[in-house]
């Protein structure tokens, strides 16, 4: 197996701009672990969290957007109000499979994220990036367990 193109590492530093939480056509898919973390953070039951903050998209549970916008429901003043408990999908950004597939994809992602290749960003080791990818993959698998959220 060949080594990933990013084996020497990549530069990333979250600038807190909030762009990764708004303006996207994508969804934040939730795993059971995410539901537990977020509902605990908000001190409500998992069912109440599902009822208030989620929707079903293609059979998967996702976070709602804020009413009348394309921003995450937890984004307030460009800050995540659930940052400590944010979904694993959010924690794993920008180490998503599509973003890391090719150097071109990484450069494309940098067009929307000022933290990618930021001049003050530390070099993140390739092994740490691979660990984040595996965590993201594990979360995707967990999301696709046969859990019926529609009851």
N, C-alpha and C. Protein backbone atom coordinates (compact mmCIF):
# COMPACT_ATOMS: atom_id res chain seq x y z
N UNK A 1 0.84 -1.18 0.00
CA UNK A 1 0.00 0.00 0.00
C UNK A 1 0.89 1.24 0.00
N UNK A 2 0.56 2.19 -0.87
CA UNK A 2 1.37 3.40 -0.94
C UNK A 2 1.01 4.34 0.21
N UNK A 3 1.96 5.19 0.52
CA UNK A 3 1.74 6.15 1.60
C UNK A 3 0.86 7.29 1.09
N UNK A 4 0.10 7.91 2.00
CA UNK A 4 -0.75 9.02 1.56
C UNK A 4 0.08 10.21 1.12
N UNK A 5 -0.47 11.00 0.23
CA UNK A 5 0.25 12.16 -0.29
C UNK A 5 0.58 13.15 0.82
N UNK A 6 -0.16 13.11 1.93
CA UNK A 6 0.04 14.07 3.02
C UNK A 6 0.92 13.50 4.14
N UNK A 7 1.68 12.45 3.84
CA UNK A 7 2.47 11.76 4.88
C UNK A 7 3.44 12.69 5.62
N UNK A 8 3.91 13.75 4.96
CA UNK A 8 4.83 14.70 5.60
C UNK A 8 4.09 15.71 6.48
N UNK A 9 2.75 15.69 6.40
CA UNK A 9 1.94 16.58 7.21
C UNK A 9 1.32 17.70 6.39
N UNK A 10 0.37 18.37 7.02
CA UNK A 10 -0.32 19.49 6.40
C UNK A 10 -0.49 20.60 7.44
N UNK A 11 -0.65 21.79 6.95
CA UNK A 11 -0.82 22.94 7.86
C UNK A 11 -2.30 23.27 8.00
N UNK A 12 -2.72 23.38 9.27
CA UNK A 12 -4.10 23.79 9.56
C UNK A 12 -4.15 24.43 10.93
N UNK A 13 -4.91 25.51 10.99
CA UNK A 13 -5.17 26.21 12.26
C UNK A 13 -6.57 26.79 12.18
N UNK A 14 -7.45 26.37 13.06
CA UNK A 14 -8.79 26.93 13.07
C UNK A 14 -8.70 28.40 13.46
N UNK A 15 -9.30 29.25 12.62
CA UNK A 15 -9.28 30.68 12.89
C UNK A 15 -10.58 31.16 13.55
N UNK A 16 -11.53 30.25 13.70
CA UNK A 16 -12.80 30.62 14.31
C UNK A 16 -13.68 31.46 13.41
N UNK A 17 -13.50 31.37 12.11
CA UNK A 17 -14.27 32.20 11.18
C UNK A 17 -15.72 31.74 11.04
N UNK A 18 -15.99 30.48 11.31
CA UNK A 18 -17.35 29.95 11.22
C UNK A 18 -17.78 29.53 9.83
N UNK A 19 -16.91 29.64 8.83
CA UNK A 19 -17.29 29.29 7.46
C UNK A 19 -17.62 27.81 7.30
N UNK A 20 -17.00 26.97 8.10
CA UNK A 20 -17.27 25.53 7.99
C UNK A 20 -18.65 25.19 8.55
N UNK A 21 -19.29 26.13 9.22
CA UNK A 21 -20.59 25.91 9.85
C UNK A 21 -21.72 26.62 9.13
N UNK A 22 -21.43 27.20 7.98
CA UNK A 22 -22.45 27.98 7.27
C UNK A 22 -22.21 27.95 5.77
N UNK A 23 -23.27 28.23 5.04
CA UNK A 23 -23.15 28.40 3.60
C UNK A 23 -22.90 27.13 2.82
N UNK A 24 -23.07 26.01 3.43
CA UNK A 24 -22.76 24.75 2.76
C UNK A 24 -24.04 24.05 2.32
N UNK A 25 -23.91 23.26 1.28
CA UNK A 25 -25.02 22.41 0.85
C UNK A 25 -25.03 21.10 1.62
N UNK A 26 -24.06 20.91 2.49
CA UNK A 26 -23.92 19.65 3.19
C UNK A 26 -24.75 19.56 4.46
N UNK A 27 -24.65 18.43 5.10
CA UNK A 27 -25.37 18.15 6.33
C UNK A 27 -24.40 17.70 7.40
N UNK A 28 -24.75 17.92 8.65
CA UNK A 28 -23.99 17.36 9.77
C UNK A 28 -24.76 16.13 10.23
N UNK A 29 -24.24 14.98 9.86
CA UNK A 29 -24.86 13.70 10.22
C UNK A 29 -24.47 13.34 11.65
N UNK A 30 -25.42 12.76 12.37
CA UNK A 30 -25.21 12.47 13.78
C UNK A 30 -25.18 10.98 14.07
N UNK A 31 -24.24 10.59 14.89
CA UNK A 31 -24.13 9.22 15.37
C UNK A 31 -24.77 9.14 16.76
N UNK A 32 -25.01 7.95 17.26
CA UNK A 32 -25.50 7.83 18.63
C UNK A 32 -24.58 8.51 19.65
N UNK A 33 -23.28 8.43 19.44
CA UNK A 33 -22.32 9.10 20.33
C UNK A 33 -22.52 10.61 20.30
N UNK A 34 -22.76 11.17 19.10
CA UNK A 34 -23.02 12.60 18.97
C UNK A 34 -24.29 12.99 19.73
N UNK A 35 -25.33 12.18 19.58
CA UNK A 35 -26.60 12.47 20.27
C UNK A 35 -26.39 12.51 21.77
N UNK A 36 -25.65 11.53 22.29
CA UNK A 36 -25.40 11.49 23.72
C UNK A 36 -24.62 12.73 24.17
N UNK A 37 -23.55 13.05 23.45
CA UNK A 37 -22.70 14.19 23.83
C UNK A 37 -23.47 15.50 23.78
N UNK A 38 -24.19 15.73 22.71
CA UNK A 38 -24.90 16.99 22.55
C UNK A 38 -26.06 17.12 23.54
N UNK A 39 -26.82 16.05 23.73
CA UNK A 39 -27.94 16.13 24.67
C UNK A 39 -27.44 16.32 26.10
N UNK A 40 -26.33 15.68 26.44
CA UNK A 40 -25.74 15.87 27.77
C UNK A 40 -25.26 17.31 27.94
N UNK A 41 -24.63 17.83 26.92
CA UNK A 41 -24.14 19.22 26.95
C UNK A 41 -25.28 20.21 27.21
N UNK A 42 -26.42 19.94 26.59
CA UNK A 42 -27.58 20.82 26.73
C UNK A 42 -28.46 20.45 27.92
N UNK A 43 -28.10 19.36 28.59
CA UNK A 43 -28.84 18.88 29.77
C UNK A 43 -30.32 18.60 29.44
N UNK A 44 -30.51 17.89 28.31
CA UNK A 44 -31.84 17.45 27.91
C UNK A 44 -31.75 15.98 27.52
N UNK A 45 -32.88 15.32 27.39
CA UNK A 45 -32.89 13.92 26.99
C UNK A 45 -32.50 13.80 25.52
N UNK A 46 -32.06 12.63 25.14
CA UNK A 46 -31.73 12.38 23.73
C UNK A 46 -32.97 12.59 22.87
N UNK A 47 -34.12 12.11 23.33
CA UNK A 47 -35.35 12.29 22.54
C UNK A 47 -35.69 13.76 22.38
N UNK A 48 -35.54 14.53 23.43
CA UNK A 48 -35.81 15.97 23.32
C UNK A 48 -34.83 16.63 22.36
N UNK A 49 -33.58 16.22 22.41
CA UNK A 49 -32.58 16.75 21.47
C UNK A 49 -33.00 16.44 20.04
N UNK A 50 -33.37 15.18 19.79
CA UNK A 50 -33.79 14.78 18.44
C UNK A 50 -34.98 15.61 17.99
N UNK A 51 -35.95 15.79 18.87
CA UNK A 51 -37.16 16.54 18.51
C UNK A 51 -36.87 18.02 18.22
N UNK A 52 -35.96 18.62 18.95
CA UNK A 52 -35.72 20.06 18.83
C UNK A 52 -34.65 20.44 17.81
N UNK A 53 -33.65 19.59 17.60
CA UNK A 53 -32.47 20.02 16.85
C UNK A 53 -32.10 19.17 15.63
N UNK A 54 -32.96 18.21 15.26
CA UNK A 54 -32.57 17.34 14.14
C UNK A 54 -33.68 17.20 13.11
N UNK A 55 -33.28 16.63 11.99
CA UNK A 55 -34.18 16.26 10.91
C UNK A 55 -33.64 14.99 10.28
N UNK A 56 -34.48 14.33 9.51
CA UNK A 56 -34.07 13.12 8.80
C UNK A 56 -33.77 13.50 7.35
N UNK A 57 -32.57 13.13 6.87
CA UNK A 57 -32.18 13.34 5.48
C UNK A 57 -31.70 12.00 4.94
N UNK A 58 -32.38 11.52 3.92
CA UNK A 58 -32.04 10.23 3.31
C UNK A 58 -31.91 9.12 4.35
N UNK A 59 -32.79 9.14 5.33
CA UNK A 59 -32.80 8.10 6.35
C UNK A 59 -31.79 8.28 7.46
N UNK A 60 -31.09 9.41 7.47
CA UNK A 60 -30.06 9.67 8.48
C UNK A 60 -30.42 10.91 9.29
N UNK A 61 -30.09 10.88 10.55
CA UNK A 61 -30.35 12.00 11.43
C UNK A 61 -29.29 13.08 11.23
N UNK A 62 -29.73 14.33 11.04
CA UNK A 62 -28.84 15.46 10.80
C UNK A 62 -29.24 16.64 11.68
N UNK A 63 -28.28 17.52 11.94
CA UNK A 63 -28.59 18.75 12.64
C UNK A 63 -29.42 19.67 11.76
N UNK A 64 -30.28 20.43 12.39
CA UNK A 64 -31.03 21.46 11.70
C UNK A 64 -30.13 22.65 11.40
N UNK A 65 -30.54 23.43 10.40
CA UNK A 65 -29.94 24.75 10.21
C UNK A 65 -30.69 25.71 11.12
N UNK A 66 -30.07 26.83 11.41
CA UNK A 66 -30.76 27.87 12.16
C UNK A 66 -31.94 28.35 11.32
N UNK A 67 -33.06 28.69 11.95
CA UNK A 67 -34.25 29.10 11.19
C UNK A 67 -33.94 30.24 10.21
N UNK A 68 -34.38 30.03 8.96
CA UNK A 68 -34.22 31.06 7.93
C UNK A 68 -32.81 31.28 7.44
N UNK A 69 -31.91 30.33 7.69
CA UNK A 69 -30.51 30.52 7.24
C UNK A 69 -29.91 29.20 6.82
N UNK A 70 -28.67 29.28 6.35
CA UNK A 70 -27.92 28.07 6.02
C UNK A 70 -26.80 27.84 7.04
N UNK A 71 -26.97 28.40 8.24
CA UNK A 71 -25.98 28.25 9.32
C UNK A 71 -26.39 27.12 10.24
N UNK A 72 -25.43 26.49 10.83
CA UNK A 72 -25.70 25.46 11.83
C UNK A 72 -26.52 26.07 12.97
N UNK A 73 -27.42 25.29 13.48
CA UNK A 73 -28.28 25.76 14.56
C UNK A 73 -27.49 26.13 15.82
N UNK A 74 -26.28 25.60 15.95
CA UNK A 74 -25.46 25.89 17.13
C UNK A 74 -24.43 26.99 16.90
N UNK A 75 -24.47 27.63 15.76
CA UNK A 75 -23.54 28.72 15.47
C UNK A 75 -24.16 30.05 15.88
N UNK A 76 -23.55 30.69 16.86
CA UNK A 76 -24.00 31.99 17.35
C UNK A 76 -22.81 32.94 17.35
N UNK A 77 -22.94 34.08 16.67
CA UNK A 77 -21.84 35.04 16.57
C UNK A 77 -20.55 34.38 16.09
N UNK A 78 -20.67 33.53 15.08
CA UNK A 78 -19.56 32.79 14.47
C UNK A 78 -18.82 31.88 15.45
N UNK A 79 -19.48 31.47 16.50
CA UNK A 79 -18.90 30.53 17.47
C UNK A 79 -19.88 29.40 17.72
N UNK A 80 -19.37 28.22 17.89
CA UNK A 80 -20.20 27.06 18.19
C UNK A 80 -20.52 27.05 19.69
N UNK A 81 -21.80 27.12 20.00
CA UNK A 81 -22.20 27.14 21.41
C UNK A 81 -22.14 25.75 22.03
N UNK A 82 -21.91 24.73 21.20
CA UNK A 82 -21.77 23.36 21.71
C UNK A 82 -20.37 22.83 21.39
N UNK A 83 -19.39 23.74 21.28
CA UNK A 83 -18.06 23.38 20.80
C UNK A 83 -17.45 22.17 21.52
N UNK A 84 -17.54 22.13 22.83
CA UNK A 84 -16.93 21.03 23.60
C UNK A 84 -17.58 19.69 23.27
N UNK A 85 -18.82 19.72 22.80
CA UNK A 85 -19.56 18.49 22.51
C UNK A 85 -19.97 18.40 21.05
N UNK A 86 -19.36 19.19 20.19
CA UNK A 86 -19.77 19.21 18.78
C UNK A 86 -19.63 17.82 18.16
N UNK A 87 -20.40 17.55 17.12
CA UNK A 87 -20.37 16.24 16.48
C UNK A 87 -18.97 15.86 15.97
N UNK A 88 -18.73 14.59 15.91
CA UNK A 88 -17.43 14.08 15.46
C UNK A 88 -17.15 14.56 14.03
N UNK A 89 -18.16 14.64 13.20
CA UNK A 89 -17.97 15.14 11.84
C UNK A 89 -17.36 16.54 11.88
N UNK A 90 -17.82 17.36 12.80
CA UNK A 90 -17.29 18.72 12.95
C UNK A 90 -15.87 18.69 13.53
N UNK A 91 -15.67 17.84 14.53
CA UNK A 91 -14.34 17.73 15.14
C UNK A 91 -13.29 17.28 14.13
N UNK A 92 -13.70 16.45 13.19
CA UNK A 92 -12.76 15.88 12.23
C UNK A 92 -12.39 16.84 11.09
N UNK A 93 -13.12 17.91 10.93
CA UNK A 93 -12.80 18.85 9.85
C UNK A 93 -11.45 19.50 10.11
N UNK A 94 -10.58 19.63 9.11
CA UNK A 94 -10.73 19.37 7.67
C UNK A 94 -10.25 17.99 7.23
N UNK A 95 -10.14 17.08 8.16
CA UNK A 95 -9.54 15.78 7.87
C UNK A 95 -10.57 14.80 7.32
N UNK A 96 -11.42 15.26 6.44
CA UNK A 96 -12.43 14.41 5.81
C UNK A 96 -11.82 13.71 4.61
N UNK A 97 -12.35 12.55 4.28
CA UNK A 97 -11.79 11.73 3.20
C UNK A 97 -11.75 12.48 1.87
N UNK A 98 -12.83 13.14 1.53
CA UNK A 98 -12.86 13.85 0.25
C UNK A 98 -11.81 14.97 0.22
N UNK A 99 -11.67 15.67 1.33
CA UNK A 99 -10.71 16.78 1.40
C UNK A 99 -9.28 16.29 1.24
N UNK A 100 -9.02 15.08 1.73
CA UNK A 100 -7.65 14.54 1.71
C UNK A 100 -7.38 13.60 0.54
N UNK A 101 -8.36 13.39 -0.30
CA UNK A 101 -8.19 12.44 -1.39
C UNK A 101 -7.02 12.81 -2.30
N UNK A 102 -6.92 14.09 -2.63
CA UNK A 102 -5.84 14.54 -3.52
C UNK A 102 -5.34 15.91 -3.05
N UNK A 103 -4.14 16.29 -3.45
CA UNK A 103 -3.68 17.64 -3.15
C UNK A 103 -4.60 18.71 -3.73
N UNK A 104 -5.20 18.42 -4.88
CA UNK A 104 -6.12 19.38 -5.50
C UNK A 104 -7.35 19.58 -4.61
N UNK A 105 -7.87 18.50 -4.04
CA UNK A 105 -9.03 18.62 -3.15
C UNK A 105 -8.68 19.45 -1.92
N UNK A 106 -7.46 19.26 -1.41
CA UNK A 106 -7.00 20.04 -0.25
C UNK A 106 -6.94 21.52 -0.61
N UNK A 107 -6.41 21.83 -1.79
CA UNK A 107 -6.33 23.22 -2.23
C UNK A 107 -7.73 23.80 -2.45
N UNK A 108 -8.64 22.99 -2.99
CA UNK A 108 -10.02 23.44 -3.17
C UNK A 108 -10.66 23.77 -1.82
N UNK A 109 -10.44 22.91 -0.84
CA UNK A 109 -11.00 23.15 0.50
C UNK A 109 -10.43 24.44 1.10
N UNK A 110 -9.18 24.73 0.78
CA UNK A 110 -8.54 25.94 1.30
C UNK A 110 -9.21 27.21 0.76
N UNK A 111 -9.91 27.10 -0.36
CA UNK A 111 -10.63 28.26 -0.90
C UNK A 111 -11.79 28.69 0.00
N UNK A 112 -12.31 27.73 0.79
CA UNK A 112 -13.43 28.02 1.67
C UNK A 112 -13.04 28.05 3.15
N UNK A 113 -11.83 27.65 3.45
CA UNK A 113 -11.38 27.58 4.84
C UNK A 113 -10.02 28.29 4.96
N UNK A 114 -10.04 29.43 5.62
CA UNK A 114 -8.81 30.22 5.74
C UNK A 114 -7.78 29.57 6.66
N UNK A 115 -8.18 28.58 7.43
CA UNK A 115 -7.25 27.90 8.33
C UNK A 115 -6.37 26.85 7.64
N UNK A 116 -6.82 26.40 6.47
CA UNK A 116 -6.03 25.42 5.71
C UNK A 116 -4.87 26.16 5.06
N UNK A 117 -3.66 25.70 5.35
CA UNK A 117 -2.42 26.30 4.87
C UNK A 117 -2.22 27.74 5.38
N UNK A 118 -2.84 28.06 6.49
CA UNK A 118 -2.69 29.38 7.10
C UNK A 118 -1.21 29.61 7.43
N UNK A 119 -0.69 30.81 7.22
CA UNK A 119 0.74 31.07 7.46
C UNK A 119 1.19 30.79 8.89
N UNK A 120 0.30 30.94 9.86
CA UNK A 120 0.65 30.68 11.25
C UNK A 120 0.27 29.28 11.72
N UNK A 121 -0.23 28.47 10.81
CA UNK A 121 -0.70 27.14 11.18
C UNK A 121 0.47 26.20 11.46
N UNK A 122 0.33 25.38 12.48
CA UNK A 122 1.36 24.38 12.73
C UNK A 122 1.27 23.26 11.69
N UNK A 123 2.35 22.55 11.53
CA UNK A 123 2.37 21.37 10.66
C UNK A 123 1.80 20.20 11.45
N UNK A 124 0.69 19.65 10.98
CA UNK A 124 0.06 18.49 11.61
C UNK A 124 0.66 17.25 10.97
N UNK A 125 1.20 16.38 11.81
CA UNK A 125 1.86 15.16 11.31
C UNK A 125 0.89 14.28 10.54
N UNK A 126 1.41 13.63 9.51
CA UNK A 126 0.62 12.71 8.70
C UNK A 126 -0.04 11.62 9.52
N UNK A 127 0.65 11.12 10.55
CA UNK A 127 0.05 10.06 11.38
C UNK A 127 -1.14 10.60 12.17
N UNK A 128 -1.06 11.83 12.64
CA UNK A 128 -2.20 12.43 13.36
C UNK A 128 -3.37 12.67 12.42
N UNK A 129 -3.08 13.06 11.20
CA UNK A 129 -4.13 13.24 10.20
C UNK A 129 -4.81 11.90 9.92
N UNK A 130 -4.01 10.85 9.76
CA UNK A 130 -4.57 9.52 9.52
C UNK A 130 -5.44 9.06 10.69
N UNK A 131 -5.04 9.38 11.92
CA UNK A 131 -5.85 9.03 13.09
C UNK A 131 -7.20 9.74 13.05
N UNK A 132 -7.20 11.01 12.68
CA UNK A 132 -8.45 11.75 12.57
C UNK A 132 -9.34 11.17 11.46
N UNK A 133 -8.72 10.75 10.37
CA UNK A 133 -9.48 10.11 9.28
C UNK A 133 -10.15 8.84 9.78
N UNK A 134 -9.43 8.05 10.54
CA UNK A 134 -9.99 6.80 11.07
C UNK A 134 -11.13 7.09 12.03
N UNK A 135 -10.99 8.12 12.84
CA UNK A 135 -12.07 8.50 13.76
C UNK A 135 -13.31 8.92 12.96
N UNK A 136 -13.09 9.66 11.89
CA UNK A 136 -14.17 10.08 11.02
C UNK A 136 -14.84 8.86 10.37
N UNK A 137 -14.05 7.92 9.89
CA UNK A 137 -14.59 6.69 9.27
C UNK A 137 -15.37 5.88 10.30
N UNK A 138 -14.83 5.72 11.49
CA UNK A 138 -15.55 5.00 12.56
C UNK A 138 -16.90 5.65 12.82
N UNK A 139 -16.93 6.98 12.82
CA UNK A 139 -18.18 7.70 13.05
C UNK A 139 -19.16 7.47 11.91
N UNK A 140 -18.67 7.45 10.67
CA UNK A 140 -19.55 7.16 9.53
C UNK A 140 -20.17 5.78 9.66
N UNK A 141 -19.38 4.82 10.08
CA UNK A 141 -19.90 3.46 10.27
C UNK A 141 -20.96 3.46 11.37
N UNK A 142 -20.68 4.14 12.46
CA UNK A 142 -21.64 4.21 13.56
C UNK A 142 -22.94 4.88 13.12
N UNK A 143 -22.86 5.89 12.29
CA UNK A 143 -24.05 6.57 11.79
C UNK A 143 -24.92 5.65 10.95
N UNK A 144 -24.30 4.68 10.31
CA UNK A 144 -25.03 3.81 9.40
C UNK A 144 -25.52 2.52 10.04
N UNK A 145 -25.42 2.43 11.36
CA UNK A 145 -26.06 1.32 12.05
C UNK A 145 -27.56 1.43 11.84
N UNK A 146 -28.22 0.32 11.95
CA UNK A 146 -29.68 0.31 11.73
C UNK A 146 -30.41 0.82 12.96
N UNK A 147 -30.47 2.13 13.10
CA UNK A 147 -31.18 2.76 14.20
C UNK A 147 -32.35 3.53 13.60
N UNK A 148 -33.55 3.26 14.08
CA UNK A 148 -34.73 3.94 13.56
C UNK A 148 -35.00 5.17 14.40
N UNK A 149 -34.74 6.35 13.84
CA UNK A 149 -34.94 7.61 14.55
C UNK A 149 -36.33 8.17 14.33
N UNK A 150 -37.12 7.50 13.51
CA UNK A 150 -38.42 8.06 13.15
C UNK A 150 -39.53 7.69 14.11
N UNK A 151 -39.25 6.94 15.14
CA UNK A 151 -40.30 6.52 16.08
C UNK A 151 -40.64 7.60 17.05
